[in-house]
Amino acid sequence: MQAVRAALDTATVESLLAAAVAAPSIHNTQPWRFRGDPDGRLVEVHATPGRSLPLADPVHRAQYLSVGAALFNLRLAAVRSGWRPEVRLLPERGRPGPLATVRLTDSLTAGERHSDPGLYGAIARRHTSRLPFTGRPVPDPVLAEMVTAAQAAGARLHVPDIAGTRRLLRLTAMAEARNQARPDRAAETRAWLNAPEARTPYGIPVTALGPPDAAGRMPMRDFTGDLPGLRLPALWFERHVQLALLWTGNDRRDDWLRAGQALQYVLLTATARGLRTSLLHQAMEWPDLRAAMALPGHKRCHPHLLLRLGYGPDGGRTPRAPGRQVTGPTTPPGTGDARI
């Protein structure tokens, strides 16, 4: 083993955090923050409770998924910079603290630094596309690669057949209808919608929204609610939708973090293979519908997210707050605000 190098330079730290904050998060809340030790070789990854969704995500499961996705990006960036990342999830169990720590231990060989199949380069290119896809089927080898990626990160990815796809879309449509029928839920979603000239780095600009499906088959989330002037004209979405369900065998906080890392592994794999993706979370926001999303006959299937996969237009990007390390006390989800 090679000797451990000296403290990280500022440029390397900035590159690690820039990669981390490029991760996806529900409604682009970006509910993470980072704290480092003096020599910069230990990075704590914390949640930011002030950017939570009390109605859609009351137990903070989606927040943990988001933090897990940022953690995976940070790991990739560390390897790219020549460091071996040693990750611990929930290192201070039983009391408030970081959701994960990443210690950069020793130097990697040149072969280890370039072993990922284009994943690091996909970090900057990956983003959600809410536009119709072409309907061109995703090749089985690409689907298999994504299934393998999820499993390598500690989760599972199920690619349903036609009947299973219809079932999952039906449950998602039910959840979307419930969300729109509840003024408080619709208002919470709409609060994260931003005008094009808005300067906030959080939330979703209207330029990143997509149209509704003219056929009503694809239950994309409606961010506009009672603001019909912002709604785009309906378009025809792909007739044969390709979905994938991300799930874990247990439903604890560390499982949520693993699922978040698996999600990002899958999304980056898809991006590296030229796919577009969008995330359907609506059914996960209702306990009965989330339970119904589980694989039939599988007693230990805890769903976390439904992915839509395909080929098509790029879609609009969402902004990001700069990745910065913070100082001072931190708070766990649900106990107050801790802003970057």
Protein backbone atom coordinates (compact mmCIF):
# COMPACT_ATOMS: atom_id res chain seq x y z
CA MET A 1 0.00 0.00 0.00
CA GLN A 2 1.30 3.42 -0.91
CA ALA A 3 1.82 6.08 1.69
CA VAL A 4 -1.07 8.39 2.39
CA ARG A 5 -0.70 11.73 0.71
CA ALA A 6 -0.81 15.11 2.36
CA ALA A 7 -3.90 17.27 2.80
CA LEU A 8 -6.16 17.78 -0.20
CA ASP A 9 -5.70 20.99 -2.11
CA THR A 10 -8.63 23.37 -2.52
CA ALA A 11 -9.15 22.55 -6.20
CA THR A 12 -9.52 18.84 -5.46
CA VAL A 13 -12.02 19.45 -2.65
CA GLU A 14 -14.03 21.72 -4.93
CA SER A 15 -14.09 19.08 -7.67
CA LEU A 16 -15.36 16.45 -5.23
CA LEU A 17 -18.18 18.64 -4.00
CA ALA A 18 -19.07 19.88 -7.48
CA ALA A 19 -19.62 16.27 -8.49
CA ALA A 20 -21.63 15.51 -5.35
CA VAL A 21 -24.12 18.35 -5.84
CA ALA A 22 -24.83 17.29 -9.43
CA ALA A 23 -26.89 14.40 -8.03
CA PRO A 24 -30.66 14.27 -8.48
CA SER A 25 -33.03 15.14 -5.65
CA ILE A 26 -36.79 15.23 -5.33
CA HIS A 27 -38.06 18.60 -6.64
CA ASN A 28 -34.38 19.61 -6.87
CA THR A 29 -34.36 20.35 -3.14
CA GLN A 30 -30.66 19.42 -2.91
CA PRO A 31 -31.01 18.38 0.75
CA TRP A 32 -27.33 17.83 1.48
CA ARG A 33 -24.38 19.62 2.99
CA PHE A 34 -20.78 18.67 3.54
CA ARG A 35 -18.34 19.10 6.36
CA GLY A 36 -14.63 18.28 6.25
CA ASP A 37 -11.83 17.82 8.74
CA PRO A 38 -8.84 20.20 8.73
CA ASP A 39 -6.73 18.17 6.28
CA GLY A 40 -9.71 17.62 3.97
CA ARG A 41 -9.38 13.83 3.82
CA LEU A 42 -12.61 13.14 5.73
CA VAL A 43 -15.88 14.45 4.33
CA GLU A 44 -19.09 14.20 6.33
CA VAL A 45 -22.32 14.14 4.34
CA HIS A 46 -25.27 15.62 6.21
CA ALA A 47 -28.93 16.20 5.40
CA THR A 48 -30.37 19.70 5.33
CA PRO A 49 -33.77 19.54 7.05
CA GLY A 50 -34.82 23.00 5.86
CA ARG A 51 -35.07 21.66 2.32
CA SER A 52 -37.48 18.85 3.07
CA LEU A 53 -41.04 18.02 1.96
CA PRO A 54 -43.19 17.43 5.07
CA LEU A 55 -46.19 16.13 3.14
CA ALA A 56 -44.59 14.22 0.28
CA ASP A 57 -41.69 12.89 2.36
CA PRO A 58 -42.64 12.94 6.05
CA VAL A 59 -40.13 10.28 7.14
CA HIS A 60 -37.33 11.78 4.97
CA ARG A 61 -36.87 8.62 2.94
CA ALA A 62 -36.63 10.55 -0.35
CA GLN A 63 -34.19 12.91 1.33
CA TYR A 64 -31.94 9.99 2.22
CA LEU A 65 -32.17 8.74 -1.38
CA SER A 66 -30.99 12.17 -2.56
CA VAL A 67 -28.10 12.22 -0.09
CA GLY A 68 -27.16 8.70 -1.16
CA ALA A 69 -27.02 9.81 -4.79
CA ALA A 70 -24.73 12.72 -3.85
CA LEU A 71 -22.58 10.29 -1.86
CA PHE A 72 -22.14 8.07 -4.91
CA ASN A 73 -21.01 11.02 -7.02
CA LEU A 74 -18.54 12.04 -4.35
CA ARG A 75 -17.10 8.52 -4.33
CA LEU A 76 -16.70 8.54 -8.10
CA ALA A 77 -14.99 11.93 -8.02
CA ALA A 78 -12.63 10.75 -5.30
CA VAL A 79 -11.56 7.76 -7.41
CA ARG A 80 -11.14 10.03 -10.41
CA SER A 81 -8.82 12.22 -8.33
CA GLY A 82 -6.71 9.22 -7.37
CA TRP A 83 -8.05 8.59 -3.86
CA ARG A 84 -9.51 5.42 -2.38
CA PRO A 85 -12.81 6.38 -0.67
CA GLU A 86 -13.70 4.52 2.51
CA VAL A 87 -17.45 4.99 3.12
CA ARG A 88 -19.37 4.54 6.35
CA LEU A 89 -23.15 4.87 6.49
CA LEU A 90 -24.74 6.31 9.63
CA PRO A 91 -21.43 6.24 11.52
CA GLU A 92 -22.96 7.64 14.70
CA ARG A 93 -25.98 5.39 15.08
CA GLY A 94 -28.33 6.27 17.88
CA ARG A 95 -27.54 9.99 17.96
CA PRO A 96 -27.59 12.92 15.56
CA GLY A 97 -24.71 13.11 13.17
CA PRO A 98 -23.71 12.70 9.54
CA LEU A 99 -25.62 10.33 7.31
CA ALA A 100 -22.33 9.13 5.88
CA THR A 101 -18.60 9.79 5.99
CA VAL A 102 -16.09 9.41 3.19
CA ARG A 103 -12.47 9.03 4.25
CA LEU A 104 -9.88 9.34 1.49
CA THR A 105 -7.31 6.81 2.58
CA ASP A 106 -4.55 5.98 0.12
CA SER A 107 -3.61 6.54 -3.50
CA LEU A 108 -5.02 4.47 -6.32
CA THR A 109 -3.10 3.02 -9.21
CA ALA A 110 -3.65 4.44 -12.71
CA GLY A 111 -5.70 1.39 -13.64
CA GLU A 112 -7.99 1.76 -10.63
CA ARG A 113 -8.57 5.44 -11.37
CA HIS A 114 -9.92 4.75 -14.86
CA SER A 115 -11.82 1.54 -14.21
CA ASP A 116 -15.34 3.01 -14.39
CA PRO A 117 -17.05 2.73 -17.83
CA GLY A 118 -17.66 6.42 -18.43
CA LEU A 119 -19.58 6.99 -15.21
CA TYR A 120 -17.63 10.03 -14.03
CA GLY A 121 -18.10 11.77 -17.37
CA ALA A 122 -21.84 11.08 -17.16
CA ILE A 123 -22.21 13.07 -13.92
CA ALA A 124 -22.30 16.42 -15.72
CA ARG A 125 -24.53 15.12 -18.55
CA ARG A 126 -27.15 13.36 -16.45
CA HIS A 127 -30.42 15.14 -15.83
CA THR A 128 -34.12 14.37 -15.92
CA SER A 129 -35.98 14.57 -19.20
CA ARG A 130 -39.73 15.16 -18.79
CA LEU A 131 -40.30 15.08 -22.56
CA PRO A 132 -41.74 12.24 -24.67
CA PHE A 133 -39.32 9.51 -25.67
CA THR A 134 -39.15 7.91 -29.09
CA GLY A 135 -40.37 4.47 -28.06
CA ARG A 136 -37.20 2.80 -29.33
CA PRO A 137 -36.65 -0.18 -27.02
CA VAL A 138 -33.70 -0.22 -24.66
CA PRO A 139 -31.46 -3.19 -25.56
CA ASP A 140 -31.46 -6.07 -23.12
CA PRO A 141 -27.68 -5.83 -22.47
CA VAL A 142 -28.09 -2.19 -21.38
CA LEU A 143 -30.97 -3.12 -19.07
CA ALA A 144 -28.88 -5.96 -17.65
CA GLU A 145 -26.02 -3.54 -17.02
CA MET A 146 -28.32 -1.27 -15.03
CA VAL A 147 -29.69 -4.21 -13.03
CA THR A 148 -26.11 -5.22 -12.20
CA ALA A 149 -25.26 -1.64 -11.19
CA ALA A 150 -28.15 -1.49 -8.70
CA GLN A 151 -27.17 -4.83 -7.19
CA ALA A 152 -23.53 -3.77 -6.85
CA ALA A 153 -24.67 -0.78 -4.76
CA GLY A 154 -26.85 -2.86 -2.44
CA ALA A 155 -30.28 -2.50 -4.06
CA ARG A 156 -32.37 -4.22 -6.74
CA LEU A 157 -33.75 -3.02 -10.07
CA HIS A 158 -36.79 -4.78 -11.50
CA VAL A 159 -37.67 -4.36 -15.19
CA PRO A 160 -41.37 -5.28 -15.49
CA ASP A 161 -43.15 -6.96 -18.39
CA ILE A 162 -46.09 -5.32 -20.18
CA ALA A 163 -48.63 -6.29 -17.51
CA GLY A 164 -46.31 -5.16 -14.74
CA THR A 165 -45.68 -1.86 -16.51
CA ARG A 166 -49.40 -1.18 -16.76
CA ARG A 167 -49.84 -1.96 -13.06
CA LEU A 168 -47.06 0.40 -12.00
CA LEU A 169 -48.31 3.18 -14.27
CA ARG A 170 -51.84 2.75 -12.93
CA LEU A 171 -50.65 3.07 -9.32
CA THR A 172 -48.55 6.12 -10.23
CA ALA A 173 -51.56 7.72 -11.92
CA MET A 174 -53.64 7.12 -8.79
CA ALA A 175 -50.98 8.82 -6.67
CA GLU A 176 -50.74 11.78 -9.05
CA ALA A 177 -54.53 12.20 -8.95
CA ARG A 178 -54.47 12.16 -5.15
CA ASN A 179 -51.70 14.75 -5.06
CA GLN A 180 -53.62 17.07 -7.36
CA ALA A 181 -56.83 16.60 -5.35
CA ARG A 182 -55.13 17.72 -2.15
CA PRO A 183 -54.56 21.51 -2.16
CA ASP A 184 -51.86 21.26 0.50
CA ARG A 185 -49.92 18.64 -1.46
CA ALA A 186 -50.27 20.55 -4.70
CA ALA A 187 -49.09 23.74 -2.97
CA GLU A 188 -46.03 21.99 -1.54
CA THR A 189 -45.06 20.81 -5.02
CA ARG A 190 -45.77 24.19 -6.61
CA ALA A 191 -43.59 25.94 -4.01
CA TRP A 192 -40.54 24.38 -5.70
CA LEU A 193 -41.46 25.69 -9.15
CA ASN A 194 -39.45 28.73 -10.26
CA ALA A 195 -39.90 31.41 -12.89
CA PRO A 196 -37.22 31.56 -15.62
CA GLU A 197 -35.70 34.71 -14.15
CA ALA A 198 -35.51 33.33 -10.60
CA ARG A 199 -32.01 33.39 -9.12
CA THR A 200 -32.49 30.59 -6.61
CA PRO A 201 -30.32 27.51 -7.23
CA TYR A 202 -33.03 25.25 -5.76
CA GLY A 203 -36.27 23.98 -7.22
CA ILE A 204 -37.38 23.38 -10.79
CA PRO A 205 -37.49 26.19 -13.36
CA VAL A 206 -40.49 26.18 -15.68
CA THR A 207 -38.04 25.69 -18.56
CA ALA A 208 -37.33 22.17 -17.22
CA LEU A 209 -40.97 21.10 -17.15
CA GLY A 210 -42.49 18.76 -19.68
CA PRO A 211 -45.91 18.49 -21.30
CA PRO A 212 -48.77 16.23 -20.22
CA ASP A 213 -49.42 13.08 -22.21
CA ALA A 214 -52.13 13.65 -24.82
CA ALA A 215 -53.21 10.02 -24.42
CA GLY A 216 -53.25 10.19 -20.62
CA ARG A 217 -51.14 7.03 -20.29
CA MET A 218 -48.01 8.62 -18.82
CA PRO A 219 -48.64 10.08 -15.34
CA MET A 220 -45.92 12.74 -15.30
CA ARG A 221 -46.02 15.01 -12.24
CA ASP A 222 -47.97 18.22 -12.75
CA PHE A 223 -46.05 21.06 -11.10
CA THR A 224 -48.32 23.79 -12.44
CA GLY A 225 -51.52 22.87 -10.58
CA ASP A 226 -53.91 25.83 -10.74
CA LEU A 227 -51.47 27.84 -12.86
CA PRO A 228 -52.66 26.69 -16.29
CA GLY A 229 -50.81 29.53 -18.04
CA LEU A 230 -47.56 27.67 -17.32
CA ARG A 231 -48.77 24.31 -18.61
CA LEU A 232 -47.31 23.19 -21.91
CA PRO A 233 -49.54 21.84 -24.70
CA ALA A 234 -50.10 18.10 -24.46
CA LEU A 235 -47.92 15.83 -26.59
CA TRP A 236 -48.07 12.13 -27.43
CA PHE A 237 -45.72 10.11 -25.26
CA GLU A 238 -44.23 6.78 -26.21
CA ARG A 239 -46.80 4.00 -26.52
CA HIS A 240 -44.54 1.29 -25.11
CA VAL A 241 -43.13 2.68 -21.90
CA GLN A 242 -40.02 1.14 -20.39
CA LEU A 243 -39.89 1.28 -16.60
CA ALA A 244 -37.64 0.00 -13.85
CA LEU A 245 -38.51 -0.27 -10.16
CA LEU A 246 -35.75 0.38 -7.61
CA TRP A 247 -36.20 -1.51 -4.34
CA THR A 248 -34.42 -2.99 -1.33
CA GLY A 249 -35.06 -6.00 0.86
CA ASN A 250 -35.19 -3.93 4.04
CA ASP A 251 -36.53 -0.46 4.75
CA ARG A 252 -34.14 1.08 7.26
CA ARG A 253 -32.28 4.37 6.97
CA ASP A 254 -29.10 2.71 5.75
CA ASP A 255 -31.15 0.89 3.11
CA TRP A 256 -32.41 4.28 1.89
CA LEU A 257 -28.83 5.51 1.56
CA ARG A 258 -27.85 2.39 -0.35
CA ALA A 259 -30.88 2.81 -2.60
CA GLY A 260 -29.80 6.39 -3.31
CA GLN A 261 -26.33 5.24 -4.31
CA ALA A 262 -27.83 2.50 -6.45
CA LEU A 263 -30.15 5.03 -8.08
CA GLN A 264 -27.24 7.21 -9.12
CA TYR A 265 -25.22 4.21 -10.30
CA VAL A 266 -28.17 3.19 -12.50
CA LEU A 267 -28.78 6.73 -13.80
CA LEU A 268 -25.13 7.29 -14.68
CA THR A 269 -24.97 3.90 -16.38
CA ALA A 270 -28.04 4.84 -18.42
CA THR A 271 -26.57 8.23 -19.29
CA ALA A 272 -23.25 6.70 -20.34
CA ARG A 273 -25.19 4.41 -22.69
CA GLY A 274 -27.09 7.29 -24.31
CA LEU A 275 -30.41 6.87 -22.47
CA ARG A 276 -32.71 9.57 -21.11
CA THR A 277 -34.41 9.06 -17.76
CA SER A 278 -37.16 10.55 -15.66
CA LEU A 279 -38.16 9.72 -12.10
CA LEU A 280 -41.70 8.88 -10.99
CA HIS A 281 -41.96 9.20 -7.22
CA GLN A 282 -45.66 9.93 -6.73
CA ALA A 283 -46.75 6.48 -5.56
CA MET A 284 -43.96 6.41 -2.96
CA GLU A 285 -45.60 9.40 -1.25
CA TRP A 286 -48.68 7.36 -0.20
CA PRO A 287 -48.01 4.36 2.10
CA ASP A 288 -50.76 2.17 0.65
CA LEU A 289 -49.74 2.83 -2.95
CA ARG A 290 -46.06 2.36 -2.15
CA ALA A 291 -46.89 -1.04 -0.65
CA ALA A 292 -48.93 -1.89 -3.76
CA MET A 293 -45.93 -1.06 -5.98
CA ALA A 294 -44.00 -3.99 -4.49
CA LEU A 295 -43.37 -7.05 -6.62
CA PRO A 296 -46.36 -9.42 -6.37
CA GLY A 297 -45.65 -12.36 -4.11
CA HIS A 298 -42.41 -10.84 -2.82
CA LYS A 299 -42.59 -10.40 0.95
CA ARG A 300 -39.48 -8.26 1.31
CA CYS A 301 -39.74 -5.80 -1.54
CA HIS A 302 -39.61 -2.18 -0.38
CA PRO A 303 -39.98 0.13 -3.42
CA HIS A 304 -38.20 3.47 -3.51
CA LEU A 305 -38.57 4.90 -6.99
CA LEU A 306 -39.94 4.19 -10.44
CA LEU A 307 -37.65 5.06 -13.37
CA ARG A 308 -38.77 5.77 -16.93
CA LEU A 309 -36.13 4.90 -19.52
CA GLY A 310 -35.75 5.57 -23.21
CA TYR A 311 -34.24 7.54 -26.04
CA GLY A 312 -35.25 11.05 -26.92
CA PRO A 313 -34.67 14.76 -26.34
CA ASP A 314 -32.37 16.02 -23.64
CA GLY A 315 -34.89 18.03 -21.63
CA GLY A 316 -34.28 21.16 -19.56
CA ARG A 317 -31.65 21.32 -16.86
CA THR A 318 -32.14 22.35 -13.26
CA PRO A 319 -29.73 24.63 -11.37
CA ARG A 320 -27.41 23.63 -8.55
CA ALA A 321 -26.10 25.45 -5.50
CA PRO A 322 -22.29 25.49 -5.29
CA GLY A 323 -20.75 22.59 -3.41
CA ARG A 324 -19.19 24.05 -0.26
CA GLN A 325 -18.02 22.72 3.06
CA VAL A 326 -19.67 24.18 6.14
CA THR A 327 -18.60 24.64 9.72
CA GLY A 328 -20.55 24.69 12.94
CA PRO A 329 -23.12 22.28 14.40
CA THR A 330 -25.29 20.07 12.25
CA THR A 331 -28.82 18.82 12.80
CA PRO A 332 -30.53 15.59 11.76
CA PRO A 333 -33.61 15.56 9.50
CA GLY A 334 -36.69 16.99 11.14
CA THR A 335 -34.95 19.07 13.83
CA GLY A 336 -34.48 22.42 12.14
CA ASP A 337 -32.84 24.21 9.28
CA ALA A 338 -29.14 24.08 8.45
CA ARG A 339 -28.45 25.89 5.23
CA ILE A 340 -25.31 25.92 3.13
